[in-house]
Amino acid sequence: MAKYVHRWIESQVSQYLSFMRIVHIRGARQCGKTTLVRQQVKADVLYRTLDDPTTLNSAKQDPVHFLRHQSSTMI
């Protein structure tokens, strides 16, 4: 397994997660977005990716329902 490379944005993501329910992370392909998120995710955080066509379609069809969730935070 590859060694995790810390990113400068980590502290900002942590800060946003402390007071925001939803954090959207966007960037170029294969720049470490998923790896960063997986390092930040805790038990009460819902992680969703739009890479899955079914999930993407769900978000497009009914964005309000897609964003409604039980956990305190969504990434």
Foldseek 3Di string as FASTA:
>chain_A
DDDDDDDPCLVVVLVCQVPPQEDDDDDDPPPCPVVSVVVVDDPLEAEDDVPDVVLVVVCVVDVVVSSDDDGRHYD
